Amino acid sequence: PVSFQYWINPEITWFSEETSWMWEGCLSVPGLRGWVERPREIRMKGLNEHGESVEVHFKGLAARIAQHEFDHLDGVLFPFRVESAKLLVPNSVFDGKEQWQSDWPTPGSFRTKAGDLSLQK
């Protein structure tokens, strides 16, 4: 699990070229999931709750969460990050995923459970 952290004026200072995919959801966009690609690793700097400068290297799910939350600061929600409309599905459709064709909407998205990362689109 990712520990609770305070970030004041965060900046992403580096991100890996390697990416991963995940079915993202958000309380700000209820009822939808999107198959979103993001860098697998990032480095973020900013101030903590004591006003001290911090820089952290995030990997995997922690990197994904940091990027998702960072996007909110710029008014960007995950639907803006999906590559095409077919990669944005209602939760009711996502919940019936076992009925999907094995390569729809993409092979990686079909195989990946909610909360898991995939290296395949």
Foldseek 3Di string as FASTA:
>chain_A
DDDDWAFDPKDWPDFDPQKKWAFDDDPVHPFKTFTAIDGQKIKMWGATPVRDIDIDIDGHPRRVVVVQVVVVVVVDHCVVRHPDPQRMDGVVVVVVLVPDDCQPPHNQVSPDDHPDIGSGD
